[in-house]
Amino acid sequence: ADSVKGRFTISRDNAWNTVYLQMNSLKLEDTADYYCQ
């Protein structure tokens, strides 16, 4: 999403069947419930 470009990074580890979201430079407007899908 444009609102997170340059601050968030999505990655995956297929060995662990896991997806990650690294969130940097967090802003007040990032407050939310986060869901993977």
All heavy atoms as atom14 arrays in JSON, in Angstrom:
{
  "sequence": "ADSVKGRFTISRDNAWNTVYLQMNSLKLEDTADYYCQ",
  "atom14_mask": [
    [1, 1, 1, 1, 1, 0, 0, 0, 0, 0, 0, 0, 0, 0],
    [1, 1, 1, 1, 1, 1, 1, 1, 0, 0, 0, 0, 0, 0],
    [1, 1, 1, 1, 1, 1, 0, 0, 0, 0, 0, 0, 0, 0],
    [1, 1, 1, 1, 1, 1, 1, 0, 0, 0, 0, 0, 0, 0],
    [1, 1, 1, 1, 1, 1, 1, 1, 1, 0, 0, 0, 0, 0],
    [1, 1, 1, 1, 0, 0, 0, 0, 0, 0, 0, 0, 0, 0],
    [1, 1, 1, 1, 1, 1, 1, 1, 1, 1, 1, 0, 0, 0],
    [1, 1, 1, 1, 1, 1, 1, 1, 1, 1, 1, 0, 0, 0],
    [1, 1, 1, 1, 1, 1, 1, 0, 0, 0, 0, 0, 0, 0],
    [1, 1, 1, 1, 1, 1, 1, 1, 0, 0, 0, 0, 0, 0],
    [1, 1, 1, 1, 1, 1, 0, 0, 0, 0, 0, 0, 0, 0],
    [1, 1, 1, 1, 1, 1, 1, 1, 1, 1, 1, 0, 0, 0],
    [1, 1, 1, 1, 1, 1, 1, 1, 0, 0, 0, 0, 0, 0],
    [1, 1, 1, 1, 1, 1, 1, 1, 0, 0, 0, 0, 0, 0],
    [1, 1, 1, 1, 1, 0, 0, 0, 0, 0, 0, 0, 0, 0],
    [1, 1, 1, 1, 1, 1, 1, 1, 1, 1, 1, 1, 1, 1],
    [1, 1, 1, 1, 1, 1, 1, 1, 0, 0, 0, 0, 0, 0],
    [1, 1, 1, 1, 1, 1, 1, 0, 0, 0, 0, 0, 0, 0],
    [1, 1, 1, 1, 1, 1, 1, 0, 0, 0, 0, 0, 0, 0],
    [1, 1, 1, 1, 1, 1, 1, 1, 1, 1, 1, 1, 0, 0],
    [1, 1, 1, 1, 1, 1, 1, 1, 0, 0, 0, 0, 0, 0],
    [1, 1, 1, 1, 1, 1, 1, 1, 1, 0, 0, 0, 0, 0],
    [1, 1, 1, 1, 1, 1, 1, 1, 0, 0, 0, 0, 0, 0],
    [1, 1, 1, 1, 1, 1, 1, 1, 0, 0, 0, 0, 0, 0],
    [1, 1, 1, 1, 1, 1, 0, 0, 0, 0, 0, 0, 0, 0],
    [1, 1, 1, 1, 1, 1, 1, 1, 0, 0, 0, 0, 0, 0],
    [1, 1, 1, 1, 1, 1, 1, 1, 1, 0, 0, 0, 0, 0],
    [1, 1, 1, 1, 1, 1, 1, 1, 0, 0, 0, 0, 0, 0],
    [1, 1, 1, 1, 1, 1, 1, 1, 1, 0, 0, 0, 0, 0],
    [1, 1, 1, 1, 1, 1, 1, 1, 0, 0, 0, 0, 0, 0],
    [1, 1, 1, 1, 1, 1, 1, 0, 0, 0, 0, 0, 0, 0],
    [1, 1, 1, 1, 1, 0, 0, 0, 0, 0, 0, 0, 0, 0],
    [1, 1, 1, 1, 1, 1, 1, 1, 0, 0, 0, 0, 0, 0],
    [1, 1, 1, 1, 1, 1, 1, 1, 1, 1, 1, 1, 0, 0],
    [1, 1, 1, 1, 1, 1, 1, 1, 1, 1, 1, 1, 0, 0],
    [1, 1, 1, 1, 1, 1, 0, 0, 0, 0, 0, 0, 0, 0],
    [1, 1, 1, 1, 1, 1, 1, 1, 1, 0, 0, 0, 0, 0]
  ],
  "atom14_positions": [
    [[0.86, -1.18, 0.0], [0.0, 0.0, 0.0], [0.9, 1.23, 0.0], [1.99, 1.23, 0.59], [-0.88, -0.01, 1.24], [0.0, 0.0, 0.0], [0.0, 0.0, 0.0], [0.0, 0.0, 0.0], [0.0, 0.0, 0.0], [0.0, 0.0, 0.0], [0.0, 0.0, 0.0], [0.0, 0.0, 0.0], [0.0, 0.0, 0.0], [0.0, 0.0, 0.0]],
    [[0.42, 2.29, -0.65], [1.22, 3.51, -0.73], [1.58, 4.04, 0.66], [2.66, 4.6, 0.86], [0.45, 4.58, -1.51], [0.39, 4.28, -2.99], [1.19, 3.45, -3.47], [-0.47, 4.86, -3.67], [0.0, 0.0, 0.0], [0.0, 0.0, 0.0], [0.0, 0.0, 0.0], [0.0, 0.0, 0.0], [0.0, 0.0, 0.0], [0.0, 0.0, 0.0]],
    [[0.69, 3.85, 1.6], [0.88, 4.41, 2.94], [2.04, 3.76, 3.7], [2.5, 4.33, 4.69], [-0.4, 4.28, 3.75], [-0.78, 2.91, 3.86], [0.0, 0.0, 0.0], [0.0, 0.0, 0.0], [0.0, 0.0, 0.0], [0.0, 0.0, 0.0], [0.0, 0.0, 0.0], [0.0, 0.0, 0.0], [0.0, 0.0, 0.0], [0.0, 0.0, 0.0]],
    [[2.48, 2.6, 3.26], [3.55, 1.9, 3.99], [4.82, 1.7, 3.17], [5.81, 1.19, 3.69], [3.07, 0.53, 4.53], [1.8, 0.69, 5.35], [2.88, -0.48, 3.41], [0.0, 0.0, 0.0], [0.0, 0.0, 0.0], [0.0, 0.0, 0.0], [0.0, 0.0, 0.0], [0.0, 0.0, 0.0], [0.0, 0.0, 0.0], [0.0, 0.0, 0.0]],
    [[4.79, 2.1, 1.91], [5.97, 1.92, 1.06], [7.18, 2.62, 1.65], [7.1, 3.76, 2.11], [5.68, 2.48, -0.33], [4.88, 1.56, -1.22], [4.65, 2.17, -2.6], [3.8, 1.26, -3.46], [3.48, 1.89, -4.77], [0.0, 0.0, 0.0], [0.0, 0.0, 0.0], [0.0, 0.0, 0.0], [0.0, 0.0, 0.0], [0.0, 0.0, 0.0]],
    [[8.3, 1.91, 1.64], [9.53, 2.45, 2.19], [9.68, 2.26, 3.69], [10.75, 2.51, 4.23], [0.0, 0.0, 0.0], [0.0, 0.0, 0.0], [0.0, 0.0, 0.0], [0.0, 0.0, 0.0], [0.0, 0.0, 0.0], [0.0, 0.0, 0.0], [0.0, 0.0, 0.0], [0.0, 0.0, 0.0], [0.0, 0.0, 0.0], [0.0, 0.0, 0.0]],
    [[8.61, 1.86, 4.36], [8.66, 1.67, 5.82], [8.44, 0.2, 6.21], [9.01, -0.27, 7.19], [7.6, 2.53, 6.51], [7.75, 4.01, 6.25], [6.8, 4.82, 7.12], [5.39, 4.52, 6.85], [4.53, 4.07, 7.75], [4.93, 3.85, 8.98], [3.27, 3.84, 7.42], [0.0, 0.0, 0.0], [0.0, 0.0, 0.0], [0.0, 0.0, 0.0]],
    [[7.58, -0.49, 5.47], [7.25, -1.88, 5.8], [7.89, -2.81, 4.76], [8.0, -2.46, 3.57], [5.74, -2.1, 5.77], [4.98, -1.46, 6.89], [5.56, -0.53, 7.74], [3.65, -1.78, 7.09], [4.84, 0.06, 8.76], [2.91, -1.2, 8.12], [3.51, -0.28, 8.95], [0.0, 0.0, 0.0], [0.0, 0.0, 0.0], [0.0, 0.0, 0.0]],
    [[8.25, -4.0, 5.22], [8.79, -5.01, 4.32], [8.13, -6.35, 4.62], [8.15, -6.81, 5.76], [10.31, -5.16, 4.49], [10.94, -3.89, 4.23], [10.85, -6.2, 3.51], [0.0, 0.0, 0.0], [0.0, 0.0, 0.0], [0.0, 0.0, 0.0], [0.0, 0.0, 0.0], [0.0, 0.0, 0.0], [0.0, 0.0, 0.0], [0.0, 0.0, 0.0]],
    [[7.55, -6.95, 3.59], [6.97, -8.28, 3.72], [8.0, -9.29, 3.23], [8.71, -9.06, 2.24], [5.64, -8.39, 2.93], [4.94, -9.71, 3.26], [5.85, -8.2, 1.43], [3.51, -9.79, 2.69], [0.0, 0.0, 0.0], [0.0, 0.0, 0.0], [0.0, 0.0, 0.0], [0.0, 0.0, 0.0], [0.0, 0.0, 0.0], [0.0, 0.0, 0.0]],
    [[8.09, -10.4, 3.93], [9.02, -11.46, 3.53], [8.43, -12.81, 3.91], [7.44, -12.87, 4.65], [10.38, -11.25, 4.2], [10.28, -11.32, 5.61], [0.0, 0.0, 0.0], [0.0, 0.0, 0.0], [0.0, 0.0, 0.0], [0.0, 0.0, 0.0], [0.0, 0.0, 0.0], [0.0, 0.0, 0.0], [0.0, 0.0, 0.0], [0.0, 0.0, 0.0]],
    [[9.04, -13.85, 3.4], [8.54, -15.18, 3.69], [9.69, -16.14, 3.91], [10.77, -15.96, 3.34], [7.64, -15.67, 2.55], [8.33, -15.83, 1.22], [7.3, -16.05, 0.09], [6.55, -17.28, 0.32], [5.3, -17.47, -0.12], [4.68, -16.53, -0.81], [4.69, -18.62, 0.11], [0.0, 0.0, 0.0], [0.0, 0.0, 0.0], [0.0, 0.0, 0.0]],
    [[9.44, -17.15, 4.71], [10.4, -18.23, 4.93], [9.66, -19.53, 4.65], [8.88, -20.0, 5.49], [10.92, -18.18, 6.36], [12.05, -19.18, 6.59], [12.09, -20.2, 5.88], [12.87, -18.93, 7.49], [0.0, 0.0, 0.0], [0.0, 0.0, 0.0], [0.0, 0.0, 0.0], [0.0, 0.0, 0.0], [0.0, 0.0, 0.0], [0.0, 0.0, 0.0]],
    [[9.91, -20.09, 3.49], [9.19, -21.3, 3.1], [9.56, -22.5, 3.97], [8.77, -23.44, 4.11], [9.44, -21.61, 1.64], [8.78, -20.61, 0.71], [7.86, -19.87, 1.09], [9.26, -20.56, -0.53], [0.0, 0.0, 0.0], [0.0, 0.0, 0.0], [0.0, 0.0, 0.0], [0.0, 0.0, 0.0], [0.0, 0.0, 0.0], [0.0, 0.0, 0.0]],
    [[10.74, -22.47, 4.55], [11.14, -23.58, 5.42], [10.32, -23.62, 6.7], [10.12, -24.69, 7.29], [12.62, -23.47, 5.74], [0.0, 0.0, 0.0], [0.0, 0.0, 0.0], [0.0, 0.0, 0.0], [0.0, 0.0, 0.0], [0.0, 0.0, 0.0], [0.0, 0.0, 0.0], [0.0, 0.0, 0.0], [0.0, 0.0, 0.0], [0.0, 0.0, 0.0]],
    [[9.85, -22.46, 7.11], [9.09, -22.35, 8.36], [7.61, -22.05, 8.1], [6.87, -21.82, 9.06], [9.69, -21.28, 9.26], [10.97, -21.72, 9.87], [12.24, -21.44, 9.43], [11.12, -22.55, 11.03], [13.17, -22.03, 10.25], [12.51, -22.72, 11.24], [10.23, -23.15, 11.92], [13.02, -23.47, 12.3], [10.73, -23.89, 12.97], [12.12, -24.05, 13.14]],
    [[7.21, -22.03, 6.83], [5.81, -21.76, 6.49], [5.31, -20.46, 7.14], [4.16, -20.4, 7.63], [4.91, -22.92, 6.92], [5.24, -24.21, 6.2], [5.73, -24.19, 5.07], [5.01, -25.33, 6.86], [0.0, 0.0, 0.0], [0.0, 0.0, 0.0], [0.0, 0.0, 0.0], [0.0, 0.0, 0.0], [0.0, 0.0, 0.0], [0.0, 0.0, 0.0]],
    [[6.16, -19.48, 7.12], [5.87, -18.25, 7.86], [6.07, -17.02, 6.97], [7.03, -16.97, 6.19], [6.78, -18.15, 9.1], [6.54, -19.28, 9.95], [6.51, -16.87, 9.87], [0.0, 0.0, 0.0], [0.0, 0.0, 0.0], [0.0, 0.0, 0.0], [0.0, 0.0, 0.0], [0.0, 0.0, 0.0], [0.0, 0.0, 0.0], [0.0, 0.0, 0.0]],
    [[5.18, -16.08, 7.13], [5.3, -14.79, 6.46], [5.5, -13.72, 7.53], [4.94, -13.83, 8.63], [4.09, -14.48, 5.57], [2.79, -14.44, 6.37], [4.28, -13.2, 4.77], [0.0, 0.0, 0.0], [0.0, 0.0, 0.0], [0.0, 0.0, 0.0], [0.0, 0.0, 0.0], [0.0, 0.0, 0.0], [0.0, 0.0, 0.0], [0.0, 0.0, 0.0]],
    [[6.31, -12.73, 7.19], [6.66, -11.68, 8.15], [6.26, -10.31, 7.62], [6.16, -10.12, 6.41], [8.17, -11.69, 8.41], [8.7, -13.0, 8.92], [9.29, -13.91, 8.05], [8.61, -13.33, 10.27], [9.78, -15.12, 8.51], [9.1, -14.54, 10.74], [9.68, -15.43, 9.85], [10.16, -16.62, 10.32], [0.0, 0.0, 0.0], [0.0, 0.0, 0.0]],
    [[6.1, -9.39, 8.53], [5.93, -7.99, 8.17], [6.82, -7.17, 9.1], [6.53, -7.04, 10.28], [4.47, -7.55, 8.29], [4.19, -6.14, 7.77], [4.36, -6.09, 6.25], [2.77, -5.69, 8.15], [0.0, 0.0, 0.0], [0.0, 0.0, 0.0], [0.0, 0.0, 0.0], [0.0, 0.0, 0.0], [0.0, 0.0, 0.0], [0.0, 0.0, 0.0]],
    [[7.91, -6.68, 8.54], [8.79, -5.8, 9.29], [8.27, -4.37, 9.14], [8.14, -3.88, 8.01], [10.22, -5.89, 8.77], [11.2, -4.95, 9.44], [11.43, -5.3, 10.9], [11.57, -6.46, 11.25], [11.45, -4.28, 11.76], [0.0, 0.0, 0.0], [0.0, 0.0, 0.0], [0.0, 0.0, 0.0], [0.0, 0.0, 0.0], [0.0, 0.0, 0.0]],
    [[7.98, -3.74, 10.25], [7.39, -2.4, 10.24], [8.35, -1.43, 10.92], [8.63, -1.58, 12.11], [6.04, -2.42, 10.96], [5.07, -3.45, 10.4], [3.43, -3.34, 11.13], [3.79, -3.78, 12.82], [0.0, 0.0, 0.0], [0.0, 0.0, 0.0], [0.0, 0.0, 0.0], [0.0, 0.0, 0.0], [0.0, 0.0, 0.0], [0.0, 0.0, 0.0]],
    [[8.85, -0.5, 10.16], [9.78, 0.5, 10.67], [9.15, 1.89, 10.58], [8.16, 2.08, 9.88], [11.08, 0.48, 9.88], [11.81, -0.85, 9.97], [11.73, -1.54, 10.98], [12.51, -1.2, 8.91], [0.0, 0.0, 0.0], [0.0, 0.0, 0.0], [0.0, 0.0, 0.0], [0.0, 0.0, 0.0], [0.0, 0.0, 0.0], [0.0, 0.0, 0.0]],
    [[9.74, 2.82, 11.3], [9.27, 4.21, 11.28], [7.76, 4.27, 11.49], [7.04, 4.95, 10.75], [9.64, 4.88, 9.96], [11.04, 4.83, 9.74], [0.0, 0.0, 0.0], [0.0, 0.0, 0.0], [0.0, 0.0, 0.0], [0.0, 0.0, 0.0], [0.0, 0.0, 0.0], [0.0, 0.0, 0.0], [0.0, 0.0, 0.0], [0.0, 0.0, 0.0]],
    [[7.31, 3.56, 12.49], [5.87, 3.48, 12.72], [5.27, 4.83, 13.06], [5.88, 5.65, 13.76], [5.58, 2.46, 13.83], [5.67, 1.0, 13.36], [5.86, 0.06, 14.53], [4.43, 0.63, 12.56], [0.0, 0.0, 0.0], [0.0, 0.0, 0.0], [0.0, 0.0, 0.0], [0.0, 0.0, 0.0], [0.0, 0.0, 0.0], [0.0, 0.0, 0.0]],
    [[4.05, 5.03, 12.56], [3.31, 6.26, 12.76], [2.05, 5.97, 13.56], [1.58, 4.83, 13.62], [2.94, 6.88, 11.42], [4.11, 7.14, 10.49], [3.61, 7.67, 9.15], [4.77, 7.95, 8.2], [4.29, 8.46, 6.89], [0.0, 0.0, 0.0], [0.0, 0.0, 0.0], [0.0, 0.0, 0.0], [0.0, 0.0, 0.0], [0.0, 0.0, 0.0]],
    [[1.49, 7.03, 14.14], [0.25, 6.85, 14.89], [-0.83, 6.19, 14.04], [-1.6, 5.36, 14.54], [-0.24, 8.21, 15.4], [0.66, 8.94, 16.38], [0.03, 10.28, 16.76], [0.91, 8.11, 17.63], [0.0, 0.0, 0.0], [0.0, 0.0, 0.0], [0.0, 0.0, 0.0], [0.0, 0.0, 0.0], [0.0, 0.0, 0.0], [0.0, 0.0, 0.0]],
    [[-0.86, 6.55, 12.78], [-1.91, 6.02, 11.89], [-1.69, 4.56, 11.5], [-2.53, 3.98, 10.82], [-2.03, 6.89, 10.63], [-0.75, 7.12, 9.87], [-0.07, 8.44, 10.26], [-0.07, 8.79, 11.45], [0.46, 9.08, 9.34], [0.0, 0.0, 0.0], [0.0, 0.0, 0.0], [0.0, 0.0, 0.0], [0.0, 0.0, 0.0], [0.0, 0.0, 0.0]],
    [[-0.6, 3.96, 11.93], [-0.4, 2.53, 11.72], [-1.1, 1.7, 12.79], [-1.12, 0.46, 12.7], [1.09, 2.19, 11.71], [1.83, 2.81, 10.54], [1.27, 2.81, 9.43], [2.95, 3.29, 10.75], [0.0, 0.0, 0.0], [0.0, 0.0, 0.0], [0.0, 0.0, 0.0], [0.0, 0.0, 0.0], [0.0, 0.0, 0.0], [0.0, 0.0, 0.0]],
    [[-1.65, 2.35, 13.79], [-2.38, 1.64, 14.83], [-3.55, 0.89, 14.22], [-4.39, 1.48, 13.54], [-2.87, 2.61, 15.91], [-1.75, 3.18, 16.59], [-3.78, 1.92, 16.9], [0.0, 0.0, 0.0], [0.0, 0.0, 0.0], [0.0, 0.0, 0.0], [0.0, 0.0, 0.0], [0.0, 0.0, 0.0], [0.0, 0.0, 0.0], [0.0, 0.0, 0.0]],
    [[-3.59, -0.42, 14.45], [-4.63, -1.26, 13.84], [-4.46, -2.7, 14.32], [-3.44, -3.05, 14.93], [-4.52, -1.23, 12.32], [0.0, 0.0, 0.0], [0.0, 0.0, 0.0], [0.0, 0.0, 0.0], [0.0, 0.0, 0.0], [0.0, 0.0, 0.0], [0.0, 0.0, 0.0], [0.0, 0.0, 0.0], [0.0, 0.0, 0.0], [0.0, 0.0, 0.0]],
    [[-5.47, -3.48, 14.01], [-5.32, -4.94, 14.11], [-4.8, -5.42, 12.76], [-5.34, -5.06, 11.72], [-6.66, -5.6, 14.42], [-7.14, -5.27, 15.83], [-6.29, -5.15, 16.73], [-8.36, -5.15, 16.01], [0.0, 0.0, 0.0], [0.0, 0.0, 0.0], [0.0, 0.0, 0.0], [0.0, 0.0, 0.0], [0.0, 0.0, 0.0], [0.0, 0.0, 0.0]],
    [[-3.76, -6.24, 12.8], [-3.13, -6.74, 11.59], [-3.44, -8.23, 11.41], [-3.34, -9.0, 12.37], [-1.61, -6.52, 11.67], [-1.21, -5.09, 11.45], [-1.44, -4.12, 12.43], [-0.62, -4.69, 10.26], [-1.1, -2.8, 12.23], [-0.26, -3.36, 10.05], [-0.51, -2.43, 11.03], [-0.15, -1.11, 10.82], [0.0, 0.0, 0.0], [0.0, 0.0, 0.0]],
    [[-3.8, -8.57, 10.19], [-4.21, -9.93, 9.86], [-3.4, -10.46, 8.68], [-3.17, -9.73, 7.71], [-5.68, -9.96, 9.46], [-6.63, -9.44, 10.5], [-6.93, -8.08, 10.58], [-7.26, -10.3, 11.4], [-7.81, -7.59, 11.53], [-8.14, -9.82, 12.35], [-8.41, -8.47, 12.41], [-9.28, -8.0, 13.36], [0.0, 0.0, 0.0], [0.0, 0.0, 0.0]],
    [[-3.02, -11.72, 8.75], [-2.48, -12.34, 7.55], [-3.58, -13.12, 6.85], [-4.57, -13.52, 7.48], [-1.26, -13.21, 7.84], [-1.57, -14.67, 8.79], [0.0, 0.0, 0.0], [0.0, 0.0, 0.0], [0.0, 0.0, 0.0], [0.0, 0.0, 0.0], [0.0, 0.0, 0.0], [0.0, 0.0, 0.0], [0.0, 0.0, 0.0], [0.0, 0.0, 0.0]],
    [[-3.41, -13.27, 5.57], [-4.46, -13.86, 4.73], [-3.84, -14.66, 3.6], [-2.77, -14.32, 3.08], [-5.33, -12.74, 4.16], [-6.5, -13.19, 3.3], [-6.17, -13.36, 1.83], [-5.21, -12.77, 1.33], [-6.93, -14.17, 1.13], [0.0, 0.0, 0.0], [0.0, 0.0, 0.0], [0.0, 0.0, 0.0], [0.0, 0.0, 0.0], [0.0, 0.0, 0.0]]
  ]
}
